[in-house]
Structure formats: structure tokens, C-alpha cells
């Protein structure tokens, strides 16, 4: 089984590359930063490059992780943002259909009831992914937590990680409640879905506990004696709550909040 990970240099992509390489023949791409010598250069917004790479690699499955992770970059370059967060996925689906590959798309809870350009393009990308002829799987994580080989990427968990070993007191928001996603759980769901042939589904990947950024940071950092304080940033973000029975019905692994914390503590130590 040959798996091509688009964006294997990013926070999530780097962890997927590490985990899935233990089970499959994995090839990964990068755009700006190369964290592994074996990664292949790719501008995923360039349709010709995407098709050429897919024809060269002939993957069975393409995993698309190469998106901006928030709406903020759209403020400076909306056109470029659309290219990265939609056109790239369109290019992948079109190439997949020409080489007979399945597509796994990393979407987001934000696609459920989109209220900004990030969620809107995730939802639009999901519609495009459903056109994959060989089969598709759409995964919707929430805020992703857990250690990645890429600790430099400016993601929420990496900001938490940087507090360890310092005298800094971290401030974290209490206004938004969400069900977090453990990064390793995404890998587990993908591996199980591939082995069990779970295709043409949209699956939410999350821990069932509702929490806040402050509570997550406090619980992750507690064993390392790092001080954190709550701050209400009055973020106007929707709380999306899902039931893990969806995973159980499909025979896919679940992950509790306590399991996530235990695994994260092991990864950090």
C-alpha cells in the first residue's frame, strides 16, 4: 500500500508521516521547509506539478493536509489563501481521478456550520473530495493537540510546549469550549480506516470531553510545574459537540481526554 502525504512537513503532516510509515510505504511532500531528507518538493497549488508527482509516485491513497490552519492569512492575501485552502485540494482530486487513487482529506469541525473563510473553504473542499472516483475519507478534527516532529510550526500545542523549562506564565482563553483532537488519534483512525476499507464517509475525530484552551494547557503542563492563568478573550466561536458513537459504529478507534493527556505526557517526557 503506497500512501502519498501532501504537506508532510507541517505539524499534522509530519506526525502522520512518522506514524503511517510504520504500517505503509509512505511518500511525503514539502513546500517551504524540509524536515526529512526524503520529502519531495511540491507546490500543491500548481495542477501540473500535482499531476506529474502523482503519475510518478502512483499512490494508492493521497492524504491532503496542506492547508492554512486558521483564517488569519486570508486577511493579507485572500487569493493566495483560496489557492492553498481550496485549489490545492481540487488539484489533488483531479490528479487522483487520473491515477486511480483514493483521497483522505483533513477537514475540520469548522466545516459543519462555517462562519468564516476557513470553514467555508473546508466545506467547499469536502464537496470536491466527494468527487473522488476510487473512494474518499473526510476527517474532521477539532483543535489538534499532541507532539509532532515539527515543533517549530506556530500551532497551539507547540506554543504550550515552548513554556516547559521556562519561568513564563502562560495565559490561555476560557471563552471557547471544544472537544479536542489528539494528533495520534488521527493516525490511528486513518490506519484503521485503510485496513478496514472504510471509505466514502465523513468522520469526526475528537475526545468527547468539552474543555477550554486554559483547561487543556493546565492539564498538559501540570506535571512539568508550569504556571498558567485563565483569560477570557470573549472569542465568538461556536461550540460543536459530537458523539463518539459515530466512530464506534464504523469500527474505528476512540480516544478519551484522559488517554490523550497520558499519551501527550509520555511524548513530552
Foldseek 3Di string as FASTA:
>chain_A
DEEEEEACVDQLNVQLCVLCVVPHNYAYAHDDDDPDPRHHHDDLLDLVRLLVVCVVRLGQEYEYDQADPDCVVCVVPVPVNLSRLASSLLSNLVSCQVSVHEYEYEAAPCCPPPDDPNNVSSVVSVVSNLPRPNFYEYEHFYQEEAGGPPLPPPGLNSVLLVQQPHQDAAEFAFQDKEFHAYSVLVSQQVVVCVVVVPTPDYYYGGAQDIGGSQVVSCLLCVVRPHHYDYDHPVDPDDYDGDDCVVCVVVVGDHAHPVNSSVNRNVVSD
